[in-house]
Each structure stands twice: as C-alpha cells, then as structure tokens.
Amino acid sequence: MTSCRLIVIGASWGGLHAVGEILAGLPADFRPTVLVVQHRSEDSDDLLAALLNRRGPLSVREVEDKDPLSGAGVLVAPAGYHVLVEPNHFELSTEAEVRFSRPSIDVTLESAADALGPELVGVVLTGANDDGAVGLAAVRRRGGFGIVQNPATAMVATMPEAARGSAQVVAELPEIAALLTEIGGRA
C-alpha cells in the first residue's frame, strides 16, 4: 500500500457503538480523511455526526457535495444520499437505493476503489445485510487494504461475515483503531 488518503468505514445495525469505539482510538493528529457510511433512514437528521463528534479527538461533520478529499477529520454520509469518491472530491447522489440502502457502503467503496486504488482502506463493521462485501472486494482488486470487524464479536455478524473473504485483516474494534493509526500515520 502506498500512502493512505481515505478510510471508508461502513456500518449498519450496531454501527454507532462500533464506529464510535474506532474514532475514540484515533489520535488527534491522524492524517487521512475518514468517511463513515452508516445505514440510516432518509428522514433522520444529522444527529449521527453530532454523536460521533463526542467520541474522539477528530472533528466530525456530514459530507457535502463537492467537498475536497483532503485534510484530516471525519465525514459522515448524509441520510438519503450515496457518497461517490472522485480523485480529489466527494459527490452526493440520489440514485436508486442499493441493497435497500442510500447511502450504500458498496457504492461508496466501489467508487473510492476506482478513484484511489492503493491509497484506500475499506473497513466493514457490524450490520444486518451484505452491503459492503462487493465494495470491499473492489477495494482489494484495486490494490487497497480491507479490514473487517470480527463477526463473532459484532453486534450483528451478517455484514462482516459477508465481507470477510476480501479482508486482509479481521480484528476486534480496538485493534482496528490501532491498525488504522499505523496505516494512516500522523500529521
């Protein structure tokens, strides 16, 4: 893997706890951008970003259309939008749901893999469907790095179990935070 520019973390059922634990383990001077794609209903507000903002030292906010892909911090996919990754920015899309979800983890991971290849880390956490499995396979094919939460300790094992075959590492949440710190480096 070359330098890491983006970490995409995908989660569904149980994701607030899992993502929060990972963010709490990242240092304040963490370099890569982190994009969280969490399944939630279209009518939910931006409370997810506010809740995650309290969990660690990095600032958390919802991604906006055409936000640049640069700088530290954590971005959260807004409810009702797919997040597409271009080489230097993010785009929001209202295309059809994928696997009953918008945002879809697969859509984001596949576009990020195409745009960034080996500069991408994909992480699939707890969830009740197989969203993320196809996307993590794309990350791996394009030379990126795949991490999956240990299905045995996930709140819901379906998502990490489906993506497990494309991961280079299967780990517990605290280990994922430490691995991301090692991969991502510091400013």
C-alpha atoms as a PDB file:
ATOM      1  CA  MET A   1       0.000   0.000   0.000  1.00  0.00           C
ATOM      2  CA  THR A   2       1.211   3.477  -0.858  1.00  0.00           C
ATOM      3  CA  SER A   3       0.187   6.378   1.341  1.00  0.00           C
ATOM      4  CA  CYS A   4      -3.378   6.267   2.626  1.00  0.00           C
ATOM      5  CA  ARG A   5      -5.596   9.191   1.571  1.00  0.00           C
ATOM      6  CA  LEU A   6      -9.025   7.883   2.583  1.00  0.00           C
ATOM      7  CA  ILE A   7     -10.512   5.402   5.024  1.00  0.00           C
ATOM      8  CA  VAL A   8     -14.114   4.396   4.345  1.00  0.00           C
ATOM      9  CA  ILE A   9     -15.871   2.808   7.323  1.00  0.00           C
ATOM     10  CA  GLY A  10     -19.159   1.056   6.552  1.00  0.00           C
ATOM     11  CA  ALA A  11     -21.626   0.034   9.243  1.00  0.00           C
ATOM     12  CA  SER A  12     -25.280  -0.689   9.806  1.00  0.00           C
ATOM     13  CA  TRP A  13     -27.073  -2.159  12.819  1.00  0.00           C
ATOM     14  CA  GLY A  14     -24.866  -1.537  15.882  1.00  0.00           C
ATOM     15  CA  GLY A  15     -22.695   0.866  13.922  1.00  0.00           C
ATOM     16  CA  LEU A  16     -22.955   3.869  16.233  1.00  0.00           C
ATOM     17  CA  HIS A  17     -21.171   1.976  19.000  1.00  0.00           C
ATOM     18  CA  ALA A  18     -18.645   0.301  16.676  1.00  0.00           C
ATOM     19  CA  VAL A  19     -17.710   3.451  14.741  1.00  0.00           C
ATOM     20  CA  GLY A  20     -17.582   5.440  17.978  1.00  0.00           C
ATOM     21  CA  GLU A  21     -15.143   2.992  19.509  1.00  0.00           C
ATOM     22  CA  ILE A  22     -12.846   3.195  16.491  1.00  0.00           C
ATOM     23  CA  LEU A  23     -12.946   7.009  16.381  1.00  0.00           C
ATOM     24  CA  ALA A  24     -12.168   7.160  20.104  1.00  0.00           C
ATOM     25  CA  GLY A  25      -8.984   5.188  19.407  1.00  0.00           C
ATOM     26  CA  LEU A  26      -7.638   7.509  16.694  1.00  0.00           C
ATOM     27  CA  PRO A  27      -5.117  10.234  17.618  1.00  0.00           C
ATOM     28  CA  ALA A  28      -5.840  13.967  17.273  1.00  0.00           C
ATOM     29  CA  ASP A  29      -3.140  14.295  14.612  1.00  0.00           C
ATOM     30  CA  PHE A  30      -4.500  11.479  12.427  1.00  0.00           C
ATOM     31  CA  ARG A  31      -3.800  12.318   8.766  1.00  0.00           C
ATOM     32  CA  PRO A  32      -6.173  10.572   6.326  1.00  0.00           C
ATOM     33  CA  THR A  33      -9.761  11.623   5.809  1.00  0.00           C
ATOM     34  CA  VAL A  34     -12.240   9.179   7.332  1.00  0.00           C
ATOM     35  CA  LEU A  35     -15.636   8.746   5.644  1.00  0.00           C
ATOM     36  CA  VAL A  36     -18.334   6.937   7.640  1.00  0.00           C
ATOM     37  CA  VAL A  37     -21.152   5.333   5.650  1.00  0.00           C
ATOM     38  CA  GLN A  38     -23.796   4.302   8.194  1.00  0.00           C
ATOM     39  CA  HIS A  39     -27.190   2.929   7.169  1.00  0.00           C
ATOM     40  CA  ARG A  40     -29.991   5.115   8.492  1.00  0.00           C
ATOM     41  CA  SER A  41     -33.435   6.208   7.403  1.00  0.00           C
ATOM     42  CA  GLU A  42     -33.811   9.076   4.929  1.00  0.00           C
ATOM     43  CA  ASP A  43     -35.778  11.157   7.389  1.00  0.00           C
ATOM     44  CA  SER A  44     -33.092  11.035  10.087  1.00  0.00           C
ATOM     45  CA  ASP A  45     -31.356  14.300  10.880  1.00  0.00           C
ATOM     46  CA  ASP A  46     -27.624  14.967  11.220  1.00  0.00           C
ATOM     47  CA  LEU A  47     -27.578  13.682  14.798  1.00  0.00           C
ATOM     48  CA  LEU A  48     -25.148  10.898  13.820  1.00  0.00           C
ATOM     49  CA  ALA A  49     -22.339  13.379  13.146  1.00  0.00           C
ATOM     50  CA  ALA A  50     -23.031  15.174  16.435  1.00  0.00           C
ATOM     51  CA  LEU A  51     -22.976  11.911  18.403  1.00  0.00           C
ATOM     52  CA  LEU A  52     -19.755  10.724  16.755  1.00  0.00           C
ATOM     53  CA  ASN A  53     -18.157  14.145  17.278  1.00  0.00           C
ATOM     54  CA  ARG A  54     -18.193  13.423  21.011  1.00  0.00           C
ATOM     55  CA  ARG A  55     -16.379  10.102  20.672  1.00  0.00           C
ATOM     56  CA  GLY A  56     -12.867  11.132  19.775  1.00  0.00           C
ATOM     57  CA  PRO A  57     -10.445  13.964  19.130  1.00  0.00           C
ATOM     58  CA  LEU A  58     -11.215  14.350  15.401  1.00  0.00           C
ATOM     59  CA  SER A  59     -13.895  16.755  14.178  1.00  0.00           C
ATOM     60  CA  VAL A  60     -16.942  15.064  12.638  1.00  0.00           C
ATOM     61  CA  ARG A  61     -19.461  16.561  10.207  1.00  0.00           C
ATOM     62  CA  GLU A  62     -21.656  15.468   7.315  1.00  0.00           C
ATOM     63  CA  VAL A  63     -20.012  15.434   3.902  1.00  0.00           C
ATOM     64  CA  GLU A  64     -21.303  17.992   1.409  1.00  0.00           C
ATOM     65  CA  ASP A  65     -21.375  17.771  -2.371  1.00  0.00           C
ATOM     66  CA  LYS A  66     -18.002  18.701  -3.900  1.00  0.00           C
ATOM     67  CA  ASP A  67     -16.173  18.651  -0.530  1.00  0.00           C
ATOM     68  CA  PRO A  68     -12.460  18.257  -1.261  1.00  0.00           C
ATOM     69  CA  LEU A  69     -10.748  14.986  -0.444  1.00  0.00           C
ATOM     70  CA  SER A  70      -8.050  16.484   1.700  1.00  0.00           C
ATOM     71  CA  GLY A  71      -7.313  17.233   5.277  1.00  0.00           C
ATOM     72  CA  ALA A  72      -7.919  15.411   8.484  1.00  0.00           C
ATOM     73  CA  GLY A  73     -11.239  14.818  10.105  1.00  0.00           C
ATOM     74  CA  VAL A  74     -14.239  12.565   9.844  1.00  0.00           C
ATOM     75  CA  LEU A  75     -17.046  12.947   7.337  1.00  0.00           C
ATOM     76  CA  VAL A  76     -20.399  11.175   7.612  1.00  0.00           C
ATOM     77  CA  ALA A  77     -22.571  10.237   4.637  1.00  0.00           C
ATOM     78  CA  PRO A  78     -25.837  12.176   4.874  1.00  0.00           C
ATOM     79  CA  ALA A  79     -29.094  10.250   5.118  1.00  0.00           C
ATOM     80  CA  GLY A  80     -30.710   9.699   1.722  1.00  0.00           C
ATOM     81  CA  TYR A  81     -27.547  10.161  -0.374  1.00  0.00           C
ATOM     82  CA  HIS A  82     -24.922   7.870  -1.843  1.00  0.00           C
ATOM     83  CA  VAL A  83     -21.407   9.275  -1.481  1.00  0.00           C
ATOM     84  CA  LEU A  84     -19.244   8.922  -4.566  1.00  0.00           C
ATOM     85  CA  VAL A  85     -15.499   9.420  -4.373  1.00  0.00           C
ATOM     86  CA  GLU A  86     -13.577  11.172  -7.128  1.00  0.00           C
ATOM     87  CA  PRO A  87      -9.775  11.560  -7.091  1.00  0.00           C
ATOM     88  CA  ASN A  88      -9.969  14.958  -5.369  1.00  0.00           C
ATOM     89  CA  HIS A  89     -13.504  15.411  -4.040  1.00  0.00           C
ATOM     90  CA  PHE A  90     -16.759  13.780  -2.928  1.00  0.00           C
ATOM     91  CA  GLU A  91     -20.068  13.842  -4.797  1.00  0.00           C
ATOM     92  CA  LEU A  92     -23.548  13.188  -3.436  1.00  0.00           C
ATOM     93  CA  SER A  93     -26.060  11.172  -5.454  1.00  0.00           C
ATOM     94  CA  THR A  94     -29.746  10.361  -5.124  1.00  0.00           C
ATOM     95  CA  GLU A  95     -29.561   7.375  -7.476  1.00  0.00           C
ATOM     96  CA  ALA A  96     -31.714   4.370  -6.531  1.00  0.00           C
ATOM     97  CA  GLU A  97     -31.135   2.514  -3.279  1.00  0.00           C
ATOM     98  CA  VAL A  98     -28.684  -0.386  -3.385  1.00  0.00           C
ATOM     99  CA  ARG A  99     -29.471  -3.338  -1.124  1.00  0.00           C
ATOM    100  CA  PHE A 100     -32.324  -1.242   0.291  1.00  0.00           C
ATOM    101  CA  SER A 101     -29.885   1.457   1.388  1.00  0.00           C
ATOM    102  CA  ARG A 102     -28.969   5.013   0.484  1.00  0.00           C
ATOM    103  CA  PRO A 103     -26.233   5.610   1.455  1.00  0.00           C
ATOM    104  CA  SER A 104     -24.844   2.308   0.257  1.00  0.00           C
ATOM    105  CA  ILE A 105     -21.482   1.096   1.519  1.00  0.00           C
ATOM    106  CA  ASP A 106     -20.878  -0.812  -1.725  1.00  0.00           C
ATOM    107  CA  VAL A 107     -21.480   2.282  -3.874  1.00  0.00           C
ATOM    108  CA  THR A 108     -19.006   4.337  -1.853  1.00  0.00           C
ATOM    109  CA  LEU A 109     -16.337   1.629  -1.633  1.00  0.00           C
ATOM    110  CA  GLU A 110     -16.541   0.822  -5.350  1.00  0.00           C
ATOM    111  CA  SER A 111     -16.239   4.469  -6.417  1.00  0.00           C
ATOM    112  CA  ALA A 112     -13.414   5.041  -3.913  1.00  0.00           C
ATOM    113  CA  ALA A 113     -11.566   1.955  -5.177  1.00  0.00           C
ATOM    114  CA  ASP A 114     -11.834   3.226  -8.753  1.00  0.00           C
ATOM    115  CA  ALA A 115     -10.666   6.729  -7.777  1.00  0.00           C
ATOM    116  CA  LEU A 116      -7.926   5.932  -5.262  1.00  0.00           C
ATOM    117  CA  GLY A 117      -6.830   2.307  -5.703  1.00  0.00           C
ATOM    118  CA  PRO A 118      -3.972   1.564  -3.284  1.00  0.00           C
ATOM    119  CA  GLU A 119      -4.490   4.839  -1.385  1.00  0.00           C
ATOM    120  CA  LEU A 120      -7.747   3.489   0.108  1.00  0.00           C
ATOM    121  CA  VAL A 121      -8.564   1.497   3.222  1.00  0.00           C
ATOM    122  CA  GLY A 122     -12.038  -0.047   3.448  1.00  0.00           C
ATOM    123  CA  VAL A 123     -13.479  -1.145   6.791  1.00  0.00           C
ATOM    124  CA  VAL A 124     -16.690  -3.174   7.164  1.00  0.00           C
ATOM    125  CA  LEU A 125     -18.288  -3.358  10.603  1.00  0.00           C
ATOM    126  CA  THR A 126     -21.447  -4.740  12.177  1.00  0.00           C
ATOM    127  CA  GLY A 127     -24.665  -4.912  10.158  1.00  0.00           C
ATOM    128  CA  ALA A 128     -27.680  -6.976   9.200  1.00  0.00           C
ATOM    129  CA  ASN A 129     -27.215  -7.315   5.416  1.00  0.00           C
ATOM    130  CA  ASP A 130     -24.351  -7.932   2.985  1.00  0.00           C
ATOM    131  CA  ASP A 131     -23.752  -4.302   1.948  1.00  0.00           C
ATOM    132  CA  GLY A 132     -20.004  -3.725   1.878  1.00  0.00           C
ATOM    133  CA  ALA A 133     -18.961  -7.177   0.653  1.00  0.00           C
ATOM    134  CA  VAL A 134     -18.929  -6.267  -3.057  1.00  0.00           C
ATOM    135  CA  GLY A 135     -17.299  -2.920  -2.319  1.00  0.00           C
ATOM    136  CA  LEU A 136     -14.542  -4.415  -0.172  1.00  0.00           C
ATOM    137  CA  ALA A 137     -13.795  -6.900  -2.954  1.00  0.00           C
ATOM    138  CA  ALA A 138     -13.364  -3.913  -5.318  1.00  0.00           C
ATOM    139  CA  VAL A 139     -11.012  -2.263  -2.821  1.00  0.00           C
ATOM    140  CA  ARG A 140      -8.881  -5.393  -2.740  1.00  0.00           C
ATOM    141  CA  ARG A 141      -8.850  -5.785  -6.560  1.00  0.00           C
ATOM    142  CA  ARG A 142      -7.666  -2.166  -6.964  1.00  0.00           C
ATOM    143  CA  GLY A 143      -4.789  -2.614  -4.507  1.00  0.00           C
ATOM    144  CA  GLY A 144      -6.414  -1.076  -1.437  1.00  0.00           C
ATOM    145  CA  PHE A 145      -6.473  -2.566   2.041  1.00  0.00           C
ATOM    146  CA  GLY A 146      -9.520  -4.286   3.570  1.00  0.00           C
ATOM    147  CA  ILE A 147     -10.364  -4.641   7.256  1.00  0.00           C
ATOM    148  CA  VAL A 148     -13.393  -6.409   8.722  1.00  0.00           C
ATOM    149  CA  GLN A 149     -14.682  -6.442  12.282  1.00  0.00           C
ATOM    150  CA  ASN A 150     -14.545  -9.913  13.818  1.00  0.00           C
ATOM    151  CA  PRO A 151     -18.051 -11.262  13.069  1.00  0.00           C
ATOM    152  CA  ALA A 152     -18.018 -13.238  16.336  1.00  0.00           C
ATOM    153  CA  THR A 153     -17.956 -10.015  18.371  1.00  0.00           C
ATOM    154  CA  ALA A 154     -20.026  -7.771  16.077  1.00  0.00           C
ATOM    155  CA  MET A 155     -23.471  -6.782  17.322  1.00  0.00           C
ATOM    156  CA  VAL A 156     -24.830  -8.291  14.068  1.00  0.00           C
ATOM    157  CA  ALA A 157     -22.456 -10.604  12.200  1.00  0.00           C
ATOM    158  CA  THR A 158     -24.069 -10.656   8.727  1.00  0.00           C
ATOM    159  CA  MET A 159     -22.181  -7.737   7.168  1.00  0.00           C
ATOM    160  CA  PRO A 160     -18.677  -8.538   8.416  1.00  0.00           C
ATOM    161  CA  GLU A 161     -19.176 -12.222   7.664  1.00  0.00           C
ATOM    162  CA  ALA A 162     -20.164 -11.421   4.057  1.00  0.00           C
ATOM    163  CA  ALA A 163     -17.090  -9.184   3.568  1.00  0.00           C
ATOM    164  CA  ARG A 164     -14.612 -11.389   5.418  1.00  0.00           C
ATOM    165  CA  GLY A 165     -13.263 -13.079   2.283  1.00  0.00           C
ATOM    166  CA  SER A 166     -11.992  -9.772   0.865  1.00  0.00           C
ATOM    167  CA  ALA A 167     -10.271  -8.549   4.015  1.00  0.00           C
ATOM    168  CA  GLN A 168      -6.559  -8.692   4.670  1.00  0.00           C
ATOM    169  CA  VAL A 169      -7.320  -8.341   8.390  1.00  0.00           C
ATOM    170  CA  VAL A 170     -10.211  -9.468  10.618  1.00  0.00           C
ATOM    171  CA  ALA A 171      -9.951  -7.775  14.021  1.00  0.00           C
ATOM    172  CA  GLU A 172     -11.632  -6.502  17.147  1.00  0.00           C
ATOM    173  CA  LEU A 173     -12.644  -2.814  17.291  1.00  0.00           C
ATOM    174  CA  PRO A 174      -9.681  -1.598  19.430  1.00  0.00           C
ATOM    175  CA  GLU A 175      -7.289  -3.443  17.127  1.00  0.00           C
ATOM    176  CA  ILE A 176      -8.890  -1.754  14.099  1.00  0.00           C
ATOM    177  CA  ALA A 177      -8.255   1.698  15.589  1.00  0.00           C
ATOM    178  CA  ALA A 178      -4.614   0.797  16.280  1.00  0.00           C
ATOM    179  CA  LEU A 179      -4.177  -0.629  12.759  1.00  0.00           C
ATOM    180  CA  LEU A 180      -5.702   2.473  11.158  1.00  0.00           C
ATOM    181  CA  THR A 181      -3.340   4.648  13.199  1.00  0.00           C
ATOM    182  CA  GLU A 182      -0.397   2.581  11.990  1.00  0.00           C
ATOM    183  CA  ILE A 183      -1.552   2.638   8.338  1.00  0.00           C
ATOM    184  CA  GLY A 184      -2.698   6.250   8.286  1.00  0.00           C
ATOM    185  CA  GLY A 185       0.148   7.792  10.177  1.00  0.00           C
ATOM    186  CA  ARG A 186       0.068  11.154  11.816  1.00  0.00           C
ATOM    187  CA  ALA A 187       0.417  14.725  10.634  1.00  0.00           C
END
